[in-house]
PDB file of N, CA and C in Angstrom:
ATOM      1  N   MET A   1    -108.073 -45.716  82.748  1.00  0.00           N
ATOM      2  CA  MET A   1    -109.013 -44.703  82.046  1.00  0.00           C
ATOM      3  C   MET A   1    -108.527 -43.514  81.453  1.00  0.00           C
ATOM      4  N   VAL A   2    -108.890 -43.329  80.127  1.00  0.00           N
ATOM      5  CA  VAL A   2    -108.654 -42.375  79.000  1.00  0.00           C
ATOM      6  C   VAL A   2    -108.775 -40.899  79.395  1.00  0.00           C
ATOM      7  N   THR A   3    -107.703 -39.822  79.798  1.00  0.00           N
ATOM      8  CA  THR A   3    -107.929 -38.491  80.083  1.00  0.00           C
ATOM      9  C   THR A   3    -108.381 -37.661  78.690  1.00  0.00           C
ATOM     10  N   LYS A   4    -109.494 -36.419  79.424  1.00  0.00           N
ATOM     11  CA  LYS A   4    -109.731 -35.720  78.082  1.00  0.00           C
ATOM     12  C   LYS A   4    -108.698 -35.273  77.338  1.00  0.00           C
ATOM     13  N   ALA A   5    -107.670 -34.948  77.820  1.00  0.00           N
ATOM     14  CA  ALA A   5    -106.464 -34.196  76.850  1.00  0.00           C
ATOM     15  C   ALA A   5    -105.770 -35.513  76.126  1.00  0.00           C
ATOM     16  N   GLU A   6    -105.767 -36.382  76.275  1.00  0.00           N
ATOM     17  CA  GLU A   6    -105.288 -37.750  75.354  1.00  0.00           C
ATOM     18  C   GLU A   6    -106.360 -37.459  74.461  1.00  0.00           C
ATOM     19  N   LEU A   7    -107.700 -37.847  74.828  1.00  0.00           N
ATOM     20  CA  LEU A   7    -109.022 -37.960  73.432  1.00  0.00           C
ATOM     21  C   LEU A   7    -108.829 -36.430  72.941  1.00  0.00           C
ATOM     22  N   GLU A   8    -109.133 -35.494  73.123  1.00  0.00           N
ATOM     23  CA  GLU A   8    -108.688 -34.159  72.166  1.00  0.00           C
ATOM     24  C   GLU A   8    -107.300 -34.633  71.435  1.00  0.00           C
ATOM     25  N   ALA A   9    -106.221 -34.708  71.903  1.00  0.00           N
ATOM     26  CA  ALA A   9    -105.102 -34.821  71.180  1.00  0.00           C
ATOM     27  C   ALA A   9    -104.800 -35.966  69.979  1.00  0.00           C
ATOM     28  N   GLU A  10    -106.005 -37.266  70.307  1.00  0.00           N
ATOM     29  CA  GLU A  10    -106.295 -38.096  69.102  1.00  0.00           C
ATOM     30  C   GLU A  10    -107.197 -37.643  68.374  1.00  0.00           C
ATOM     31  N   VAL A  11    -108.210 -36.677  68.406  1.00  0.00           N
ATOM     32  CA  VAL A  11    -109.146 -36.166  67.714  1.00  0.00           C
ATOM     33  C   VAL A  11    -108.672 -35.035  66.683  1.00  0.00           C
ATOM     34  N   ALA A  12    -107.457 -34.280  67.187  1.00  0.00           N
ATOM     35  CA  ALA A  12    -106.806 -33.275  66.524  1.00  0.00           C
ATOM     36  C   ALA A  12    -106.122 -33.948  65.422  1.00  0.00           C
ATOM     37  N   ASP A  13    -105.495 -34.764  66.048  1.00  0.00           N
ATOM     38  CA  ASP A  13    -104.458 -35.943  65.344  1.00  0.00           C
ATOM     39  C   ASP A  13    -105.254 -36.629  63.794  1.00  0.00           C
ATOM     40  N   LEU A  14    -106.803 -36.823  64.423  1.00  0.00           N
ATOM     41  CA  LEU A  14    -107.575 -37.916  63.118  1.00  0.00           C
ATOM     42  C   LEU A  14    -108.187 -36.325  62.184  1.00  0.00           C
ATOM     43  N   ARG A  15    -107.723 -35.446  62.364  1.00  0.00           N
ATOM     44  CA  ARG A  15    -108.638 -34.105  61.841  1.00  0.00           C
ATOM     45  C   ARG A  15    -107.382 -33.991  60.788  1.00  0.00           C
ATOM     46  N   ARG A  16    -106.194 -34.319  61.547  1.00  0.00           N
ATOM     47  CA  ARG A  16    -104.971 -33.512  60.118  1.00  0.00           C
ATOM     48  C   ARG A  16    -104.953 -34.846  59.513  1.00  0.00           C
ATOM     49  N   GLN A  17    -104.827 -35.617  59.632  1.00  0.00           N
ATOM     50  CA  GLN A  17    -105.313 -37.184  58.983  1.00  0.00           C
ATOM     51  C   GLN A  17    -106.004 -36.875  57.771  1.00  0.00           C
ATOM     52  N   LEU A  18    -107.455 -36.199  58.181  1.00  0.00           N
ATOM     53  CA  LEU A  18    -108.209 -35.893  57.353  1.00  0.00           C
ATOM     54  C   LEU A  18    -108.308 -34.859  56.666  1.00  0.00           C
ATOM     55  N   ALA A  19    -107.896 -34.002  56.580  1.00  0.00           N
ATOM     56  CA  ALA A  19    -107.242 -32.981  56.158  1.00  0.00           C
ATOM     57  C   ALA A  19    -106.407 -33.078  54.880  1.00  0.00           C
ATOM     58  N   GLU A  20    -104.832 -33.729  55.081  1.00  0.00           N
ATOM     59  CA  GLU A  20    -104.067 -34.298  54.259  1.00  0.00           C
ATOM     60  C   GLU A  20    -104.636 -35.472  53.141  1.00  0.00           C
ATOM     61  N   GLN A  21    -105.678 -36.382  53.737  1.00  0.00           N
ATOM     62  CA  GLN A  21    -106.386 -37.364  52.795  1.00  0.00           C
ATOM     63  C   GLN A  21    -107.134 -36.431  51.403  1.00  0.00           C
ATOM     64  N   THR A  22    -108.130 -35.456  52.066  1.00  0.00           N
ATOM     65  CA  THR A  22    -109.126 -34.647  51.452  1.00  0.00           C
ATOM     66  C   THR A  22    -107.693 -33.685  50.019  1.00  0.00           C
ATOM     67  N   GLU A  23    -106.868 -33.456  50.680  1.00  0.00           N
ATOM     68  CA  GLU A  23    -105.985 -32.394  50.177  1.00  0.00           C
ATOM     69  C   GLU A  23    -105.256 -33.396  49.193  1.00  0.00           C
ATOM     70  N   ALA A  24    -104.635 -34.302  49.549  1.00  0.00           N
ATOM     71  CA  ALA A  24    -103.826 -35.556  48.576  1.00  0.00           C
ATOM     72  C   ALA A  24    -104.988 -35.915  47.362  1.00  0.00           C
ATOM     73  N   ARG A  25    -106.357 -35.941  47.697  1.00  0.00           N
ATOM     74  CA  ARG A  25    -107.382 -36.236  46.837  1.00  0.00           C
ATOM     75  C   ARG A  25    -107.510 -35.423  46.124  1.00  0.00           C
ATOM     76  N   GLU A  26    -107.578 -33.964  46.168  1.00  0.00           N
ATOM     77  CA  GLU A  26    -108.228 -33.060  45.576  1.00  0.00           C
ATOM     78  C   GLU A  26    -106.953 -32.695  44.256  1.00  0.00           C
ATOM     79  N   LYS A  27    -105.625 -33.009  45.354  1.00  0.00           N
ATOM     80  CA  LYS A  27    -104.380 -33.042  43.614  1.00  0.00           C
ATOM     81  C   LYS A  27    -104.355 -34.156  42.895  1.00  0.00           C
ATOM     82  N   ALA A  28    -104.749 -35.177  43.393  1.00  0.00           N
ATOM     83  CA  ALA A  28    -105.109 -36.624  42.027  1.00  0.00           C
ATOM     84  C   ALA A  28    -106.284 -36.138  41.489  1.00  0.00           C
ATOM     85  N   SER A  29    -107.082 -35.556  41.909  1.00  0.00           N
ATOM     86  CA  SER A  29    -108.392 -35.859  40.870  1.00  0.00           C
ATOM     87  C   SER A  29    -108.226 -34.104  40.232  1.00  0.00           C
ATOM     88  N   ALA A  30    -107.797 -33.163  40.575  1.00  0.00           N
ATOM     89  CA  ALA A  30    -107.733 -31.677  39.465  1.00  0.00           C
ATOM     90  C   ALA A  30    -106.993 -32.352  38.291  1.00  0.00           C
ATOM     91  N   PRO A  31    -107.462 -32.251  36.876  1.00  0.00           N
ATOM     92  CA  PRO A  31    -106.763 -32.381  35.797  1.00  0.00           C
ATOM     93  C   PRO A  31    -105.958 -30.861  35.640  1.00  0.00           C
ATOM     94  N   SER A  32    -104.649 -30.880  35.321  1.00  0.00           N
ATOM     95  CA  SER A  32    -104.310 -29.760  34.642  1.00  0.00           C
ATOM     96  C   SER A  32    -105.132 -29.355  33.391  1.00  0.00           C
ATOM     97  N   PRO A  33    -104.685 -28.154  32.499  1.00  0.00           N
ATOM     98  CA  PRO A  33    -105.652 -27.470  31.809  1.00  0.00           C
ATOM     99  C   PRO A  33    -105.536 -28.069  30.329  1.00  0.00           C
ATOM    100  N   HIS A  34    -104.252 -28.322  30.585  1.00  0.00           N
ATOM    101  CA  HIS A  34    -103.459 -29.259  29.023  1.00  0.00           C
ATOM    102  C   HIS A  34    -104.327 -30.678  28.933  1.00  0.00           C
ATOM    103  N   ASP A  35    -104.159 -31.812  29.917  1.00  0.00           N
ATOM    104  CA  ASP A  35    -104.842 -32.545  29.951  1.00  0.00           C
ATOM    105  C   ASP A  35    -106.053 -32.719  29.807  1.00  0.00           C
ATOM    106  N   THR A  36    -107.039 -31.395  30.346  1.00  0.00           N
ATOM    107  CA  THR A  36    -108.421 -31.499  29.924  1.00  0.00           C
ATOM    108  C   THR A  36    -108.734 -31.431  28.483  1.00  0.00           C
ATOM    109  N   MET A  37    -107.659 -30.587  28.010  1.00  0.00           N
ATOM    110  CA  MET A  37    -108.181 -29.643  26.541  1.00  0.00           C
ATOM    111  C   MET A  37    -107.848 -30.587  25.659  1.00  0.00           C
ATOM    112  N   ALA A  38    -106.810 -31.490  25.703  1.00  0.00           N
ATOM    113  CA  ALA A  38    -106.229 -32.926  25.141  1.00  0.00           C
ATOM    114  C   ALA A  38    -107.605 -33.743  24.917  1.00  0.00           C
ATOM    115  N   ASP A  39    -108.237 -33.862  26.038  1.00  0.00           N
ATOM    116  CA  ASP A  39    -109.233 -34.988  26.412  1.00  0.00           C
ATOM    117  C   ASP A  39    -110.303 -34.690  25.604  1.00  0.00           C
ATOM    118  N   LYS A  40    -110.606 -33.330  25.667  1.00  0.00           N
ATOM    119  CA  LYS A  40    -111.902 -32.893  25.308  1.00  0.00           C
ATOM    120  C   LYS A  40    -111.870 -32.750  23.862  1.00  0.00           C
ATOM    121  N   ILE A  41    -110.436 -32.542  23.007  1.00  0.00           N
ATOM    122  CA  ILE A  41    -110.385 -32.673  21.330  1.00  0.00           C
ATOM    123  C   ILE A  41    -110.420 -34.099  20.975  1.00  0.00           C
ATOM    124  N   ALA A  42    -109.990 -34.763  21.874  1.00  0.00           N
ATOM    125  CA  ALA A  42    -109.764 -36.541  21.515  1.00  0.00           C
ATOM    126  C   ALA A  42    -111.291 -37.237  21.687  1.00  0.00           C
ATOM    127  N   GLU A  43    -111.797 -36.341  22.569  1.00  0.00           N
ATOM    128  CA  GLU A  43    -113.600 -36.693  22.562  1.00  0.00           C
ATOM    129  C   GLU A  43    -114.572 -35.966  21.128  1.00  0.00           C
ATOM    130  N   ASN A  44    -113.939 -35.043  20.898  1.00  0.00           N
ATOM    131  CA  ASN A  44    -114.818 -34.537  20.103  1.00  0.00           C
ATOM    132  C   ASN A  44    -114.153 -35.243  18.656  1.00  0.00           C
ATOM    133  N   ILE A  45    -113.122 -35.556  18.310  1.00  0.00           N
ATOM    134  CA  ILE A  45    -112.663 -36.474  17.062  1.00  0.00           C
ATOM    135  C   ILE A  45    -113.491 -37.712  16.843  1.00  0.00           C
ATOM    136  N   ASP A  46    -113.469 -38.579  18.103  1.00  0.00           N
ATOM    137  CA  ASP A  46    -113.822 -39.611  17.966  1.00  0.00           C
ATOM    138  C   ASP A  46    -115.566 -39.510  17.861  1.00  0.00           C
ATOM    139  N   GLY A  47    -116.191 -38.209  18.369  1.00  0.00           N
ATOM    140  CA  GLY A  47    -117.516 -37.928  18.004  1.00  0.00           C
ATOM    141  C   GLY A  47    -117.687 -37.862  16.511  1.00  0.00           C
ATOM    142  N   TRP A  48    -116.842 -36.522  15.611  1.00  0.00           N
ATOM    143  CA  TRP A  48    -117.035 -36.353  14.538  1.00  0.00           C
ATOM    144  C   TRP A  48    -116.499 -37.771  13.254  1.00  0.00           C
ATOM    145  N   SER A  49    -115.490 -38.523  14.217  1.00  0.00           N
ATOM    146  CA  SER A  49    -115.667 -39.760  13.217  1.00  0.00           C
ATOM    147  C   SER A  49    -116.081 -40.936  13.505  1.00  0.00           C
ATOM    148  N   SER A  50    -117.405 -41.187  14.312  1.00  0.00           N
ATOM    149  CA  SER A  50    -118.194 -41.788  14.399  1.00  0.00           C
ATOM    150  C   SER A  50    -119.457 -41.363  13.508  1.00  0.00           C
ATOM    151  N   GLN A  51    -119.880 -39.758  13.664  1.00  0.00           N
ATOM    152  CA  GLN A  51    -120.807 -39.877  12.808  1.00  0.00           C
ATOM    153  C   GLN A  51    -120.350 -39.613  11.332  1.00  0.00           C
ATOM    154  N   LEU A  52    -119.024 -38.983  11.100  1.00  0.00           N
ATOM    155  CA  LEU A  52    -118.859 -39.298   9.611  1.00  0.00           C
ATOM    156  C   LEU A  52    -119.007 -40.701   8.663  1.00  0.00           C
ATOM    157  N   GLU A  53    -118.721 -41.442  10.178  1.00  0.00           N
ATOM    158  CA  GLU A  53    -118.744 -43.123   9.487  1.00  0.00           C
ATOM    159  C   GLU A  53    -120.336 -43.837   9.789  1.00  0.00           C
ATOM    160  N   GLU A  54    -121.109 -43.018  10.164  1.00  0.00           N
ATOM    161  CA  GLU A  54    -123.113 -43.087   9.925  1.00  0.00           C
ATOM    162  C   GLU A  54    -123.438 -42.363   8.835  1.00  0.00           C
ATOM    163  N   ALA A  55    -122.891 -41.285   8.527  1.00  0.00           N
ATOM    164  CA  ALA A  55    -123.399 -40.610   7.368  1.00  0.00           C
ATOM    165  C   ALA A  55    -122.474 -41.248   6.067  1.00  0.00           C
ATOM    166  N   LEU A  56    -121.426 -41.806   6.126  1.00  0.00           N
ATOM    167  CA  LEU A  56    -120.993 -42.543   4.941  1.00  0.00           C
ATOM    168  C   LEU A  56    -121.777 -43.725   4.990  1.00  0.00           C
ATOM    169  N   THR A  57    -122.056 -44.868   5.807  1.00  0.00           N
ATOM    170  CA  THR A  57    -123.090 -45.891   5.801  1.00  0.00           C
ATOM    171  C   THR A  57    -124.042 -45.733   5.200  1.00  0.00           C
ATOM    172  N   GLU A  58    -124.841 -44.821   6.054  1.00  0.00           N
ATOM    173  CA  GLU A  58    -126.376 -43.886   5.297  1.00  0.00           C
ATOM    174  C   GLU A  58    -126.611 -43.711   3.658  1.00  0.00           C
ATOM    175  N   LEU A  59    -125.201 -43.167   3.300  1.00  0.00           N
ATOM    176  CA  LEU A  59    -125.221 -42.685   1.894  1.00  0.00           C
ATOM    177  C   LEU A  59    -125.138 -43.795   1.355  1.00  0.00           C
ATOM    178  N   GLU A  60    -124.216 -45.030   1.650  1.00  0.00           N
ATOM    179  CA  GLU A  60    -124.108 -46.068   0.704  1.00  0.00           C
ATOM    180  C   GLU A  60    -125.509 -46.847   0.688  1.00  0.00           C
ATOM    181  N   ASP A  61    -126.250 -46.957   1.398  1.00  0.00           N
ATOM    182  CA  ASP A  61    -127.411 -47.628   1.802  1.00  0.00           C
ATOM    183  C   ASP A  61    -128.383 -47.159   0.752  1.00  0.00           C
ATOM    184  N   LEU A  62    -128.410 -45.837   0.957  1.00  0.00           N
ATOM    185  CA  LEU A  62    -129.427 -44.930  -0.288  1.00  0.00           C
ATOM    186  C   LEU A  62    -129.478 -45.421  -1.252  1.00  0.00           C
ATOM    187  N   PRO A  63    -128.873 -45.732  -2.117  1.00  0.00           N
ATOM    188  CA  PRO A  63    -129.486 -46.114  -3.517  1.00  0.00           C
ATOM    189  C   PRO A  63    -130.332 -47.630  -3.548  1.00  0.00           C
ATOM    190  N   HIS A  64    -130.111 -48.377  -2.078  1.00  0.00           N
ATOM    191  CA  HIS A  64    -130.540 -49.920  -1.930  1.00  0.00           C
ATOM    192  C   HIS A  64    -131.963 -49.601  -1.486  1.00  0.00           C
ATOM    193  N   LYS A  65    -131.737 -48.510  -0.238  1.00  0.00           N
ATOM    194  CA  LYS A  65    -132.937 -48.322  -0.088  1.00  0.00           C
ATOM    195  C   LYS A  65    -134.081 -47.759  -0.630  1.00  0.00           C
ATOM    196  N   ARG A  66    -133.564 -46.416  -0.901  1.00  0.00           N
ATOM    197  CA  ARG A  66    -134.771 -45.250  -1.819  1.00  0.00           C
ATOM    198  C   ARG A  66    -134.325 -45.080  -3.126  1.00  0.00           C
ATOM    199  N   PRO A  67    -134.264 -45.997  -4.029  1.00  0.00           N
ATOM    200  CA  PRO A  67    -133.786 -45.863  -4.995  1.00  0.00           C
ATOM    201  C   PRO A  67    -134.373 -44.507  -5.836  1.00  0.00           C
ATOM    202  N   ILE A  68    -135.647 -44.320  -6.118  1.00  0.00           N
ATOM    203  CA  ILE A  68    -136.166 -42.960  -6.423  1.00  0.00           C
ATOM    204  C   ILE A  68    -135.337 -42.091  -5.924  1.00  0.00           C
ATOM    205  N   LEU A  69    -135.504 -41.577  -4.495  1.00  0.00           N
ATOM    206  CA  LEU A  69    -134.870 -40.256  -4.080  1.00  0.00           C
ATOM    207  C   LEU A  69    -133.634 -40.174  -4.481  1.00  0.00           C
ATOM    208  N   PHE A  70    -132.546 -41.483  -4.520  1.00  0.00           N
ATOM    209  CA  PHE A  70    -131.650 -41.199  -4.684  1.00  0.00           C
ATOM    210  C   PHE A  70    -131.575 -40.695  -6.395  1.00  0.00           C
ATOM    211  N   ALA A  71    -131.874 -41.038  -7.418  1.00  0.00           N
ATOM    212  CA  ALA A  71    -131.959 -40.761  -8.672  1.00  0.00           C
ATOM    213  C   ALA A  71    -132.537 -38.971  -9.115  1.00  0.00           C
ATOM    214  N   LEU A  72    -133.884 -39.034  -8.183  1.00  0.00           N
ATOM    215  CA  LEU A  72    -133.903 -37.627  -7.894  1.00  0.00           C
ATOM    216  C   LEU A  72    -133.253 -36.431  -7.443  1.00  0.00           C
ATOM    217  N   GLY A  73    -132.220 -37.246  -6.615  1.00  0.00           N
ATOM    218  CA  GLY A  73    -130.887 -36.101  -5.838  1.00  0.00           C
ATOM    219  C   GLY A  73    -130.109 -36.121  -6.927  1.00  0.00           C
ATOM    220  N   ILE A  74    -129.368 -37.394  -7.579  1.00  0.00           N
ATOM    221  CA  ILE A  74    -128.473 -36.925  -8.446  1.00  0.00           C
ATOM    222  C   ILE A  74    -128.954 -35.760  -9.689  1.00  0.00           C
ATOM    223  N   PHE A  75    -130.031 -36.219 -10.108  1.00  0.00           N
ATOM    224  CA  PHE A  75    -130.314 -35.631 -11.062  1.00  0.00           C
ATOM    225  C   PHE A  75    -130.484 -33.869 -10.931  1.00  0.00           C
ATOM    226  N   THR A  76    -131.058 -33.874  -9.809  1.00  0.00           N
ATOM    227  CA  THR A  76    -131.190 -32.541  -9.267  1.00  0.00           C
ATOM    228  C   THR A  76    -129.856 -31.433  -9.085  1.00  0.00           C
ATOM    229  N   LEU A  77    -128.754 -32.698  -8.522  1.00  0.00           N
ATOM    230  CA  LEU A  77    -127.438 -32.338  -8.232  1.00  0.00           C
ATOM    231  C   LEU A  77    -126.996 -32.238  -9.382  1.00  0.00           C
ATOM    232  N   GLY A  78    -126.913 -33.197 -10.656  1.00  0.00           N
ATOM    233  CA  GLY A  78    -126.649 -32.796 -12.081  1.00  0.00           C
ATOM    234  C   GLY A  78    -127.183 -31.410 -12.849  1.00  0.00           C
ATOM    235  N   TYR A  79    -128.334 -30.915 -12.800  1.00  0.00           N
ATOM    236  CA  TYR A  79    -129.430 -29.915 -12.958  1.00  0.00           C
ATOM    237  C   TYR A  79    -128.516 -28.660 -12.874  1.00  0.00           C
ATOM    238  N   LEU A  80    -128.246 -28.638 -11.395  1.00  0.00           N
ATOM    239  CA  LEU A  80    -127.715 -27.520 -10.430  1.00  0.00           C
ATOM    240  C   LEU A  80    -126.433 -26.914 -10.762  1.00  0.00           C
ATOM    241  N   LEU A  81    -125.420 -28.529 -10.885  1.00  0.00           N
ATOM    242  CA  LEU A  81    -124.457 -28.128 -11.629  1.00  0.00           C
ATOM    243  C   LEU A  81    -124.390 -27.755 -13.048  1.00  0.00           C
ATOM    244  N   GLY A  82    -125.263 -28.305 -13.813  1.00  0.00           N
ATOM    245  CA  GLY A  82    -125.156 -27.704 -15.548  1.00  0.00           C
ATOM    246  C   GLY A  82    -125.764 -26.374 -15.045  1.00  0.00           C
ATOM    247  N   ARG A  83    -126.647 -25.746 -14.848  1.00  0.00           N
ATOM    248  CA  ARG A  83    -127.351 -24.107 -14.411  1.00  0.00           C
ATOM    249  C   ARG A  83    -126.197 -23.146 -13.877  1.00  0.00           C
ATOM    250  N   SER A  84    -125.117 -23.948 -13.429  1.00  0.00           N
ATOM    251  CA  SER A  84    -124.206 -22.730 -12.264  1.00  0.00           C
ATOM    252  C   SER A  84    -123.128 -22.376 -13.637  1.00  0.00           C
ATOM    253  N   ARG A  85    -123.348 -22.895 -14.744  1.00  0.00           N
ATOM    254  CA  ARG A  85    -121.995 -22.209 -15.546  1.00  0.00           C
ATOM    255  C   ARG A  85    -122.442 -21.282 -16.416  1.00  0.00           C
TER     256      ARG A  85
END
């Protein structure tokens, strides 16, 4: 039969192992400030590039989808540029 002292020693050993594992996970999952900043910049650049691609695609499709709106926009832009001189 197992004694109380042996059980307490085993529980203490298990607690120590659990604390070591928790500490190792925290160290592995905690990103450095430089990695975090670089990741944020990369995500922002990816977001901006995808938004720019969407805007350019919509601008390319505008003359075909809404020709009157496109013509009015070009006319207005030309008028404003002509008046600025």
